[in-house]
Every structure is written in C-alpha cells, then in structure tokens.
Amino acid sequence: MKYDPRKHRRRSIRLKGYDYRQPGAYFVTICTHRREMLFGRVVNGVMQLNEYGRIVEWTWYDLPNHVANITLDAFVVMPNHVHGIIIINPPATVGAGSEPAPTGEPTGPKPQGLPEIVRQFKTFSARRINDRRGTRGVPVWQRNYYEHIIRNQRALNAIRRYIAENPARWDEDRDNPHRRRKRRWRK
C-alpha cells in the first residue's frame, strides 16, 4: 500500500529539534520486516547466527570503512532485530597547521548523521541478503528504527549490559514470537 497522507499519520519518532549529526553516543534497535525470524536462533541463551545473520554482523562492523568519524560499540544480532551503539565523533582536524580552505569551510568528508548511517547499514545488508536469497527488492528491515541518545557514562554502561545480556533474555523478549509469558496468579 502506498503512503497516503490523508489516511496515514506518519510522525517522526526523533527528538524534535535535535541534530543527529552532532557528536555523541546513540543506541539503535532495528527490526526485521514484519519481525521475521531471519538471522538465526537463540539456543540456551546464546545467539547462533545463520548466513543472513553473519551478513548483518559483517555489514555492521564494516560501517567505519564507509562512514567518517564513527566508532562502533556494543552490538548484537538477534533472530529478528539488532541492537547497537554508534558513536559519532567530532570531525577530525584535516591537515593541522596547514592553510584553511579558500572558502573557510571545513575540508574532508561531510559528517553523516545517525539517519544516514542507519540507512546505509539497512541498505547494504538488505542488498547482500537479497542477493543471497534471490529476492531482489524484498524488504528485510522495517521502515523505521528506534534510537536513544546516550547522555552519560552510567547510561552507556547500562545499555552495553542490556545488549550483552539480550540473548540470555530471549525467552522473555517481547520481540520473540514464542516467548514464555510469566503467569499472573489471580486470587
């Protein structure tokens, strides 16, 4: 179904007025299209990647080769989503001690914001997966993604722990279609 502004009420989930190109740490969660279990399975609390999961993992770790000024932190591929931390660093000083560009503008690659970085990750991984599956153009990822601006070291450490422990909590994960729901006892 095509987007119709009279029927669909798309609203941005981004923080209004925030510049997602500025240096900082960002926690992202990206889900597969229709939460399809595409990247492997969790066995005894350990994620076992299949071929598509390995493509996703490789694409994630290859991002710094294509995007200037980023550092990747904690990351995990789950059966139907990924969690990761992307750190956008301040632009590197180009040619310290040399003359500035004639226009006075910074030289070097233009910094990319979080939306562009996530778009590249989704595009590159989807193309590789669809090439392997022989399903050119079929959606791999949901249209959007969840992001959280990490504001301090305490939050960064908590999110790192959450990412590392995610496979061990898969049985209760709301993104797990086979999750074990905790029983609520009624009196």
N, C-alpha and C. Protein backbone atom coordinates (compact mmCIF):
# COMPACT_ATOMS: atom_id res chain seq x y z
N MET A 1 0.85 -1.17 0.00
CA MET A 1 0.00 0.00 0.00
C MET A 1 0.90 1.24 0.00
N LYS A 2 0.58 2.16 -0.89
CA LYS A 2 1.35 3.40 -0.95
C LYS A 2 0.95 4.34 0.17
N TYR A 3 1.87 5.20 0.52
CA TYR A 3 1.63 6.19 1.56
C TYR A 3 0.62 7.23 1.08
N ASP A 4 -0.42 7.43 1.86
CA ASP A 4 -1.44 8.43 1.56
C ASP A 4 -1.56 9.32 2.79
N PRO A 5 -1.15 10.61 2.69
CA PRO A 5 -1.17 11.48 3.87
C PRO A 5 -2.57 11.68 4.46
N ARG A 6 -3.61 11.44 3.67
CA ARG A 6 -4.97 11.58 4.20
C ARG A 6 -5.35 10.39 5.09
N LYS A 7 -4.74 9.23 4.85
CA LYS A 7 -5.05 8.03 5.62
C LYS A 7 -4.01 7.74 6.70
N HIS A 8 -2.76 7.93 6.35
CA HIS A 8 -1.66 7.55 7.23
C HIS A 8 -1.16 8.76 8.00
N ARG A 9 -0.88 8.57 9.23
CA ARG A 9 -0.41 9.65 10.09
C ARG A 9 1.02 9.36 10.53
N ARG A 10 1.94 9.47 9.60
CA ARG A 10 3.33 9.23 9.96
C ARG A 10 3.84 10.39 10.78
N ARG A 11 4.46 10.08 11.88
CA ARG A 11 5.08 11.13 12.67
C ARG A 11 6.48 10.66 13.02
N SER A 12 7.36 11.58 13.11
CA SER A 12 8.74 11.25 13.42
C SER A 12 8.86 10.81 14.87
N ILE A 13 9.67 9.79 15.09
CA ILE A 13 9.95 9.37 16.46
C ILE A 13 11.26 9.98 16.96
N ARG A 14 11.86 10.83 16.15
CA ARG A 14 13.10 11.50 16.52
C ARG A 14 12.81 12.67 17.47
N LEU A 15 13.80 13.02 18.26
CA LEU A 15 13.69 14.14 19.18
C LEU A 15 13.61 15.44 18.37
N LYS A 16 12.54 16.16 18.52
CA LYS A 16 12.30 17.36 17.73
C LYS A 16 13.41 18.40 17.99
N GLY A 17 13.97 18.91 16.91
CA GLY A 17 14.99 19.95 17.01
C GLY A 17 16.39 19.44 17.31
N TYR A 18 16.57 18.14 17.49
CA TYR A 18 17.89 17.60 17.81
C TYR A 18 18.64 17.32 16.52
N ASP A 19 19.92 17.68 16.49
CA ASP A 19 20.76 17.45 15.32
C ASP A 19 21.47 16.11 15.49
N TYR A 20 21.02 15.11 14.78
CA TYR A 20 21.57 13.76 14.87
C TYR A 20 22.90 13.61 14.14
N ARG A 21 23.49 14.73 13.69
CA ARG A 21 24.85 14.71 13.14
C ARG A 21 25.87 15.06 14.20
N GLN A 22 25.40 15.59 15.32
CA GLN A 22 26.35 16.05 16.34
C GLN A 22 27.00 14.87 17.05
N PRO A 23 28.23 15.09 17.52
CA PRO A 23 28.94 14.02 18.23
C PRO A 23 28.15 13.53 19.44
N GLY A 24 28.21 12.22 19.64
CA GLY A 24 27.53 11.61 20.77
C GLY A 24 27.38 10.13 20.55
N ALA A 25 26.85 9.47 21.56
CA ALA A 25 26.61 8.03 21.51
C ALA A 25 25.11 7.79 21.34
N TYR A 26 24.77 6.88 20.45
CA TYR A 26 23.39 6.58 20.12
C TYR A 26 23.15 5.08 20.18
N PHE A 27 22.07 4.69 20.86
CA PHE A 27 21.65 3.30 20.94
C PHE A 27 20.56 3.10 19.90
N VAL A 28 20.74 2.13 19.01
CA VAL A 28 19.75 1.88 17.97
C VAL A 28 19.25 0.44 18.05
N THR A 29 17.98 0.28 17.74
CA THR A 29 17.36 -1.03 17.58
C THR A 29 16.69 -1.02 16.22
N ILE A 30 17.01 -2.01 15.40
CA ILE A 30 16.47 -2.10 14.06
C ILE A 30 15.83 -3.47 13.92
N CYS A 31 14.56 -3.51 13.55
CA CYS A 31 13.81 -4.77 13.47
C CYS A 31 13.62 -5.20 12.02
N THR A 32 13.52 -6.50 11.83
CA THR A 32 13.26 -7.03 10.51
C THR A 32 11.83 -6.72 10.09
N HIS A 33 11.59 -6.75 8.81
CA HIS A 33 10.27 -6.53 8.25
C HIS A 33 9.31 -7.58 8.80
N ARG A 34 8.24 -7.12 9.39
CA ARG A 34 7.22 -7.98 9.99
C ARG A 34 7.79 -8.92 11.05
N ARG A 35 8.89 -8.49 11.66
CA ARG A 35 9.54 -9.25 12.75
C ARG A 35 9.89 -10.69 12.32
N GLU A 36 10.24 -10.82 11.04
CA GLU A 36 10.60 -12.14 10.51
C GLU A 36 11.85 -12.66 11.21
N MET A 37 11.82 -13.91 11.61
CA MET A 37 12.96 -14.55 12.28
C MET A 37 13.96 -14.93 11.19
N LEU A 38 14.87 -14.03 10.89
CA LEU A 38 15.69 -14.14 9.69
C LEU A 38 17.16 -14.43 9.94
N PHE A 39 17.67 -14.11 11.12
CA PHE A 39 19.12 -14.09 11.32
C PHE A 39 19.70 -15.25 12.12
N GLY A 40 18.91 -16.21 12.49
CA GLY A 40 19.40 -17.34 13.27
C GLY A 40 18.47 -17.63 14.42
N ARG A 41 19.01 -18.27 15.45
CA ARG A 41 18.17 -18.60 16.60
C ARG A 41 18.99 -18.56 17.88
N VAL A 42 18.29 -18.43 18.97
CA VAL A 42 18.93 -18.43 20.28
C VAL A 42 18.79 -19.82 20.86
N VAL A 43 19.92 -20.40 21.24
CA VAL A 43 19.94 -21.73 21.85
C VAL A 43 20.64 -21.62 23.19
N ASN A 44 19.91 -21.97 24.24
CA ASN A 44 20.46 -21.90 25.60
C ASN A 44 21.07 -20.53 25.91
N GLY A 45 20.39 -19.49 25.50
CA GLY A 45 20.84 -18.13 25.82
C GLY A 45 21.98 -17.62 24.97
N VAL A 46 22.32 -18.32 23.89
CA VAL A 46 23.42 -17.90 23.01
C VAL A 46 22.87 -17.77 21.58
N MET A 47 23.13 -16.63 20.97
CA MET A 47 22.67 -16.40 19.60
C MET A 47 23.55 -17.16 18.63
N GLN A 48 22.91 -17.97 17.79
CA GLN A 48 23.61 -18.72 16.75
C GLN A 48 23.20 -18.13 15.40
N LEU A 49 24.11 -17.39 14.81
CA LEU A 49 23.83 -16.71 13.55
C LEU A 49 23.78 -17.69 12.39
N ASN A 50 22.84 -17.46 11.49
CA ASN A 50 22.85 -18.19 10.24
C ASN A 50 23.57 -17.32 9.21
N GLU A 51 23.49 -17.69 7.95
CA GLU A 51 24.19 -16.96 6.89
C GLU A 51 23.75 -15.49 6.84
N TYR A 52 22.45 -15.21 6.97
CA TYR A 52 21.96 -13.84 6.90
C TYR A 52 22.39 -13.05 8.14
N GLY A 53 22.40 -13.70 9.28
CA GLY A 53 22.87 -13.05 10.50
C GLY A 53 24.33 -12.66 10.39
N ARG A 54 25.13 -13.53 9.78
CA ARG A 54 26.55 -13.22 9.59
C ARG A 54 26.72 -12.05 8.61
N ILE A 55 25.85 -11.96 7.60
CA ILE A 55 25.90 -10.82 6.67
C ILE A 55 25.61 -9.53 7.44
N VAL A 56 24.60 -9.55 8.29
CA VAL A 56 24.24 -8.37 9.08
C VAL A 56 25.40 -7.98 9.98
N GLU A 57 25.99 -8.95 10.66
CA GLU A 57 27.11 -8.67 11.56
C GLU A 57 28.29 -8.08 10.78
N TRP A 58 28.62 -8.67 9.65
CA TRP A 58 29.74 -8.17 8.85
C TRP A 58 29.46 -6.75 8.36
N THR A 59 28.22 -6.49 7.91
CA THR A 59 27.87 -5.16 7.42
C THR A 59 28.00 -4.12 8.52
N TRP A 60 27.58 -4.47 9.73
CA TRP A 60 27.69 -3.55 10.87
C TRP A 60 29.16 -3.18 11.11
N TYR A 61 30.01 -4.20 11.22
CA TYR A 61 31.41 -3.93 11.54
C TYR A 61 32.17 -3.29 10.38
N ASP A 62 31.59 -3.32 9.18
CA ASP A 62 32.22 -2.69 8.02
C ASP A 62 31.85 -1.20 7.90
N LEU A 63 30.86 -0.74 8.65
CA LEU A 63 30.41 0.66 8.55
C LEU A 63 31.53 1.69 8.68
N PRO A 64 32.47 1.55 9.64
CA PRO A 64 33.51 2.58 9.74
C PRO A 64 34.38 2.71 8.49
N ASN A 65 34.37 1.69 7.63
CA ASN A 65 35.11 1.79 6.36
C ASN A 65 34.39 2.66 5.34
N HIS A 66 33.13 3.00 5.61
CA HIS A 66 32.34 3.77 4.67
C HIS A 66 31.82 5.09 5.23
N VAL A 67 31.87 5.23 6.54
CA VAL A 67 31.33 6.42 7.20
C VAL A 67 32.45 7.05 8.04
N ALA A 68 32.72 8.32 7.76
CA ALA A 68 33.77 9.02 8.50
C ALA A 68 33.30 9.33 9.92
N ASN A 69 34.24 9.36 10.84
CA ASN A 69 34.03 9.85 12.20
C ASN A 69 33.06 9.03 13.05
N ILE A 70 32.98 7.72 12.83
CA ILE A 70 32.16 6.93 13.74
C ILE A 70 33.00 5.84 14.39
N THR A 71 32.56 5.45 15.56
CA THR A 71 33.11 4.31 16.29
C THR A 71 31.93 3.45 16.66
N LEU A 72 32.10 2.14 16.50
CA LEU A 72 31.04 1.21 16.89
C LEU A 72 31.36 0.66 18.26
N ASP A 73 30.33 0.48 19.05
CA ASP A 73 30.48 -0.03 20.42
C ASP A 73 29.74 -1.37 20.48
N ALA A 74 29.07 -1.65 21.57
CA ALA A 74 28.38 -2.92 21.77
C ALA A 74 27.37 -3.18 20.64
N PHE A 75 27.22 -4.45 20.29
CA PHE A 75 26.33 -4.82 19.20
C PHE A 75 25.90 -6.26 19.37
N VAL A 76 24.65 -6.56 19.00
CA VAL A 76 24.19 -7.95 18.98
C VAL A 76 23.17 -8.12 17.87
N VAL A 77 23.27 -9.24 17.19
CA VAL A 77 22.26 -9.64 16.21
C VAL A 77 21.35 -10.64 16.92
N MET A 78 20.06 -10.41 16.86
CA MET A 78 19.06 -11.32 17.42
C MET A 78 18.30 -11.93 16.25
N PRO A 79 17.43 -12.91 16.48
CA PRO A 79 16.74 -13.55 15.35
C PRO A 79 15.95 -12.59 14.46
N ASN A 80 15.38 -11.52 15.03
CA ASN A 80 14.57 -10.62 14.22
C ASN A 80 14.84 -9.14 14.47
N HIS A 81 15.97 -8.83 15.08
CA HIS A 81 16.34 -7.43 15.28
C HIS A 81 17.82 -7.34 15.65
N VAL A 82 18.33 -6.13 15.65
CA VAL A 82 19.69 -5.88 16.10
C VAL A 82 19.66 -4.72 17.09
N HIS A 83 20.61 -4.75 18.01
CA HIS A 83 20.84 -3.64 18.93
C HIS A 83 22.29 -3.22 18.75
N GLY A 84 22.56 -1.92 18.73
CA GLY A 84 23.93 -1.48 18.63
C GLY A 84 24.10 -0.06 19.12
N ILE A 85 25.34 0.26 19.42
CA ILE A 85 25.70 1.62 19.84
C ILE A 85 26.63 2.19 18.78
N ILE A 86 26.24 3.35 18.26
CA ILE A 86 27.05 4.08 17.29
C ILE A 86 27.52 5.36 17.96
N ILE A 87 28.81 5.61 17.90
CA ILE A 87 29.36 6.84 18.46
C ILE A 87 29.81 7.72 17.29
N ILE A 88 29.21 8.90 17.22
CA ILE A 88 29.62 9.87 16.20
C ILE A 88 30.66 10.77 16.87
N ASN A 89 31.86 10.75 16.33
CA ASN A 89 32.98 11.51 16.88
C ASN A 89 33.04 12.90 16.27
N PRO A 90 33.68 13.84 16.97
CA PRO A 90 33.88 15.16 16.35
C PRO A 90 34.68 15.00 15.07
N PRO A 91 34.45 15.86 14.08
CA PRO A 91 35.21 15.76 12.83
C PRO A 91 36.71 15.87 13.11
N ALA A 92 37.47 15.06 12.41
CA ALA A 92 38.93 15.10 12.56
C ALA A 92 39.46 16.39 11.98
N THR A 93 40.52 16.90 12.58
CA THR A 93 41.17 18.09 12.05
C THR A 93 41.98 17.68 10.85
N VAL A 94 41.68 18.28 9.71
CA VAL A 94 42.36 17.93 8.47
C VAL A 94 43.58 18.82 8.31
N GLY A 95 44.73 18.18 8.13
CA GLY A 95 45.95 18.93 7.85
C GLY A 95 46.28 19.97 8.90
N ALA A 96 46.36 19.56 10.13
CA ALA A 96 46.66 20.51 11.21
C ALA A 96 47.89 21.32 10.86
N GLY A 97 47.81 22.63 10.99
CA GLY A 97 48.93 23.51 10.69
C GLY A 97 48.95 23.98 9.25
N SER A 98 48.04 23.42 8.41
CA SER A 98 48.03 23.84 7.02
C SER A 98 47.04 25.00 6.84
N GLU A 99 47.06 25.57 5.68
CA GLU A 99 46.18 26.70 5.38
C GLU A 99 44.73 26.22 5.30
N PRO A 100 43.78 27.04 5.77
CA PRO A 100 42.37 26.65 5.65
C PRO A 100 41.92 26.68 4.19
N ALA A 101 40.82 26.03 3.91
CA ALA A 101 40.26 26.04 2.56
C ALA A 101 39.92 27.49 2.19
N PRO A 102 40.03 27.84 0.90
CA PRO A 102 39.77 29.23 0.48
C PRO A 102 38.39 29.74 0.90
N THR A 103 37.42 28.88 0.99
CA THR A 103 36.06 29.30 1.35
C THR A 103 35.90 29.44 2.86
N GLY A 104 36.88 28.96 3.60
CA GLY A 104 36.77 28.96 5.06
C GLY A 104 35.95 27.80 5.59
N GLU A 105 35.42 26.97 4.67
CA GLU A 105 34.63 25.80 5.06
C GLU A 105 35.56 24.65 5.44
N PRO A 106 35.11 23.77 6.32
CA PRO A 106 35.91 22.60 6.66
C PRO A 106 36.14 21.74 5.42
N THR A 107 37.29 21.09 5.37
CA THR A 107 37.59 20.20 4.25
C THR A 107 37.42 18.76 4.72
N GLY A 108 37.39 17.84 3.77
CA GLY A 108 37.25 16.42 4.11
C GLY A 108 35.82 15.95 3.94
N PRO A 109 35.58 14.66 4.26
CA PRO A 109 34.25 14.11 4.06
C PRO A 109 33.22 14.79 4.95
N LYS A 110 32.03 14.96 4.41
CA LYS A 110 30.96 15.59 5.16
C LYS A 110 30.49 14.62 6.25
N PRO A 111 30.35 15.10 7.49
CA PRO A 111 29.87 14.21 8.55
C PRO A 111 28.46 13.74 8.24
N GLN A 112 28.21 12.48 8.56
CA GLN A 112 26.88 11.92 8.33
C GLN A 112 26.15 11.81 9.66
N GLY A 113 24.87 12.00 9.61
CA GLY A 113 24.06 11.88 10.80
C GLY A 113 23.58 10.46 11.01
N LEU A 114 23.01 10.22 12.16
CA LEU A 114 22.52 8.89 12.50
C LEU A 114 21.55 8.33 11.47
N PRO A 115 20.57 9.10 10.99
CA PRO A 115 19.65 8.52 10.00
C PRO A 115 20.36 8.02 8.74
N GLU A 116 21.37 8.75 8.28
CA GLU A 116 22.11 8.32 7.08
C GLU A 116 22.93 7.08 7.36
N ILE A 117 23.50 6.98 8.55
CA ILE A 117 24.31 5.82 8.92
C ILE A 117 23.42 4.57 8.98
N VAL A 118 22.27 4.70 9.63
CA VAL A 118 21.35 3.56 9.72
C VAL A 118 20.83 3.18 8.34
N ARG A 119 20.53 4.17 7.52
CA ARG A 119 20.07 3.89 6.15
C ARG A 119 21.12 3.09 5.38
N GLN A 120 22.39 3.49 5.50
CA GLN A 120 23.45 2.74 4.82
C GLN A 120 23.51 1.30 5.31
N PHE A 121 23.47 1.12 6.62
CA PHE A 121 23.52 -0.22 7.19
C PHE A 121 22.37 -1.07 6.66
N LYS A 122 21.16 -0.53 6.70
CA LYS A 122 20.00 -1.29 6.25
C LYS A 122 20.08 -1.59 4.75
N THR A 123 20.49 -0.62 3.97
CA THR A 123 20.57 -0.81 2.52
C THR A 123 21.61 -1.85 2.15
N PHE A 124 22.83 -1.70 2.69
CA PHE A 124 23.91 -2.63 2.34
C PHE A 124 23.59 -4.05 2.79
N SER A 125 23.08 -4.21 4.00
CA SER A 125 22.79 -5.56 4.49
C SER A 125 21.62 -6.18 3.73
N ALA A 126 20.58 -5.40 3.44
CA ALA A 126 19.42 -5.93 2.71
C ALA A 126 19.82 -6.37 1.30
N ARG A 127 20.65 -5.58 0.64
CA ARG A 127 21.10 -5.97 -0.71
C ARG A 127 21.85 -7.29 -0.68
N ARG A 128 22.76 -7.41 0.28
CA ARG A 128 23.55 -8.65 0.37
C ARG A 128 22.66 -9.86 0.70
N ILE A 129 21.73 -9.67 1.61
CA ILE A 129 20.83 -10.77 1.97
C ILE A 129 19.94 -11.14 0.78
N ASN A 130 19.38 -10.14 0.12
CA ASN A 130 18.51 -10.42 -1.01
C ASN A 130 19.26 -11.01 -2.19
N ASP A 131 20.52 -10.63 -2.38
CA ASP A 131 21.34 -11.28 -3.41
C ASP A 131 21.49 -12.76 -3.10
N ARG A 132 21.74 -13.06 -1.84
CA ARG A 132 21.93 -14.45 -1.41
C ARG A 132 20.62 -15.25 -1.53
N ARG A 133 19.48 -14.61 -1.18
CA ARG A 133 18.18 -15.28 -1.22
C ARG A 133 17.58 -15.31 -2.62
N GLY A 134 18.10 -14.46 -3.51
CA GLY A 134 17.49 -14.35 -4.84
C GLY A 134 16.14 -13.64 -4.77
N THR A 135 16.04 -12.65 -3.88
CA THR A 135 14.78 -11.95 -3.67
C THR A 135 14.99 -10.45 -3.80
N ARG A 136 15.49 -10.01 -4.92
CA ARG A 136 15.81 -8.60 -5.13
C ARG A 136 14.61 -7.70 -4.81
N GLY A 137 14.86 -6.66 -3.98
CA GLY A 137 13.84 -5.69 -3.67
C GLY A 137 12.89 -6.05 -2.55
N VAL A 138 12.97 -7.26 -2.03
CA VAL A 138 12.08 -7.67 -0.94
C VAL A 138 12.56 -7.02 0.36
N PRO A 139 11.65 -6.44 1.15
CA PRO A 139 12.08 -5.78 2.39
C PRO A 139 12.71 -6.76 3.37
N VAL A 140 13.81 -6.33 3.95
CA VAL A 140 14.46 -7.08 5.02
C VAL A 140 14.18 -6.40 6.35
N TRP A 141 14.16 -5.07 6.34
CA TRP A 141 14.04 -4.27 7.56
C TRP A 141 12.71 -3.53 7.60
N GLN A 142 12.26 -3.24 8.81
CA GLN A 142 11.12 -2.34 8.98
C GLN A 142 11.51 -0.96 8.47
N ARG A 143 10.50 -0.15 8.17
CA ARG A 143 10.75 1.18 7.61
C ARG A 143 11.55 2.07 8.53
N ASN A 144 11.34 2.01 9.82
CA ASN A 144 11.98 2.93 10.74
C ASN A 144 12.93 2.17 11.67
N TYR A 145 13.37 2.82 12.71
CA TYR A 145 14.21 2.20 13.72
C TYR A 145 14.03 2.98 15.01
N TYR A 146 14.41 2.36 16.11
CA TYR A 146 14.34 3.02 17.40
C TYR A 146 15.72 3.56 17.73
N GLU A 147 15.79 4.77 18.26
CA GLU A 147 17.07 5.31 18.70
C GLU A 147 16.90 5.95 20.07
N HIS A 148 17.99 5.98 20.79
CA HIS A 148 18.03 6.62 22.10
C HIS A 148 19.37 7.35 22.20
N ILE A 149 19.32 8.62 22.56
CA ILE A 149 20.55 9.39 22.74
C ILE A 149 21.12 9.02 24.11
N ILE A 150 22.36 8.56 24.13
CA ILE A 150 23.00 8.16 25.38
C ILE A 150 23.67 9.41 25.97
N ARG A 151 23.23 9.78 27.14
CA ARG A 151 23.63 11.09 27.68
C ARG A 151 24.76 11.05 28.71
N ASN A 152 25.09 9.87 29.26
CA ASN A 152 26.16 9.83 30.25
C ASN A 152 26.76 8.42 30.33
N GLN A 153 27.85 8.31 31.07
CA GLN A 153 28.58 7.04 31.18
C GLN A 153 27.73 5.96 31.84
N ARG A 154 26.95 6.34 32.84
CA ARG A 154 26.10 5.36 33.53
C ARG A 154 25.09 4.73 32.55
N ALA A 155 24.46 5.58 31.73
CA ALA A 155 23.51 5.07 30.73
C ALA A 155 24.23 4.21 29.70
N LEU A 156 25.41 4.63 29.27
CA LEU A 156 26.19 3.86 28.31
C LEU A 156 26.49 2.47 28.86
N ASN A 157 26.92 2.38 30.10
CA ASN A 157 27.23 1.08 30.70
C ASN A 157 25.99 0.21 30.83
N ALA A 158 24.86 0.81 31.19
CA ALA A 158 23.61 0.05 31.32
C ALA A 158 23.16 -0.50 29.97
N ILE A 159 23.30 0.29 28.92
CA ILE A 159 22.90 -0.16 27.58
C ILE A 159 23.86 -1.23 27.07
N ARG A 160 25.13 -1.08 27.34
CA ARG A 160 26.09 -2.13 26.97
C ARG A 160 25.72 -3.46 27.63
N ARG A 161 25.36 -3.39 28.90
CA ARG A 161 24.96 -4.60 29.64
C ARG A 161 23.68 -5.19 29.03
N TYR A 162 22.71 -4.35 28.72
CA TYR A 162 21.46 -4.80 28.10
C TYR A 162 21.74 -5.53 26.79
N ILE A 163 22.61 -4.96 25.96
CA ILE A 163 22.95 -5.58 24.68
C ILE A 163 23.63 -6.93 24.90
N ALA A 164 24.60 -6.97 25.79
CA ALA A 164 25.34 -8.21 26.05
C ALA A 164 24.43 -9.32 26.59
N GLU A 165 23.46 -8.94 27.41
CA GLU A 165 22.58 -9.93 28.05
C GLU A 165 21.34 -10.26 27.22
N ASN A 166 21.14 -9.59 26.10
CA ASN A 166 19.93 -9.76 25.32
C ASN A 166 19.66 -11.21 24.90
N PRO A 167 20.64 -11.95 24.38
CA PRO A 167 20.36 -13.34 24.02
C PRO A 167 19.92 -14.21 25.22
N ALA A 168 20.49 -13.96 26.37
CA ALA A 168 20.13 -14.76 27.56
C ALA A 168 18.69 -14.48 28.00
N ARG A 169 18.13 -13.33 27.62
CA ARG A 169 16.76 -12.97 27.99
C ARG A 169 15.77 -13.22 26.85
N TRP A 170 16.18 -13.89 25.81
CA TRP A 170 15.34 -14.08 24.62
C TRP A 170 14.00 -14.75 24.95
N ASP A 171 13.98 -15.67 25.87
CA ASP A 171 12.72 -16.36 26.19
C ASP A 171 11.63 -15.41 26.66
N GLU A 172 12.00 -14.28 27.24
CA GLU A 172 11.02 -13.31 27.73
C GLU A 172 10.94 -12.05 26.86
N ASP A 173 11.72 -11.99 25.79
CA ASP A 173 11.80 -10.80 24.94
C ASP A 173 10.47 -10.58 24.21
N ARG A 174 9.97 -9.34 24.24
CA ARG A 174 8.69 -9.04 23.58
C ARG A 174 8.79 -9.20 22.06
N ASP A 175 10.01 -9.19 21.49
CA ASP A 175 10.18 -9.40 20.05
C ASP A 175 10.26 -10.88 19.68
N ASN A 176 10.21 -11.75 20.68
CA ASN A 176 10.23 -13.19 20.46
C ASN A 176 8.79 -13.69 20.33
N PRO A 177 8.39 -14.15 19.14
CA PRO A 177 7.01 -14.60 18.97
C PRO A 177 6.68 -15.86 19.78
N HIS A 178 7.69 -16.54 20.27
CA HIS A 178 7.49 -17.76 21.06
C HIS A 178 7.85 -17.56 22.52
N ARG A 179 7.84 -16.32 22.96
CA ARG A 179 8.28 -16.03 24.32
C ARG A 179 7.42 -16.73 25.35
N ARG A 180 8.06 -16.99 26.47
CA ARG A 180 7.35 -17.56 27.62
C ARG A 180 6.83 -16.40 28.44
N ARG A 181 5.56 -16.29 28.50
CA ARG A 181 4.97 -15.22 29.31
C ARG A 181 4.90 -15.65 30.75
N LYS A 182 5.22 -14.71 31.61
CA LYS A 182 5.15 -15.01 33.04
C LYS A 182 3.68 -15.11 33.43
N ARG A 183 3.35 -16.11 34.19
CA ARG A 183 1.97 -16.29 34.63
C ARG A 183 1.65 -15.31 35.73
N ARG A 184 0.48 -14.77 35.64
CA ARG A 184 0.00 -13.89 36.71
C ARG A 184 -1.05 -14.67 37.49
N TRP A 185 -0.79 -14.80 38.74
CA TRP A 185 -1.71 -15.55 39.61
C TRP A 185 -2.83 -14.65 40.07
N ARG A 186 -4.02 -15.18 39.98
CA ARG A 186 -5.20 -14.43 40.43
C ARG A 186 -5.68 -15.00 41.74
N LYS A 187 -6.14 -14.13 42.59
CA LYS A 187 -6.67 -14.58 43.87
C LYS A 187 -8.16 -14.62 43.84
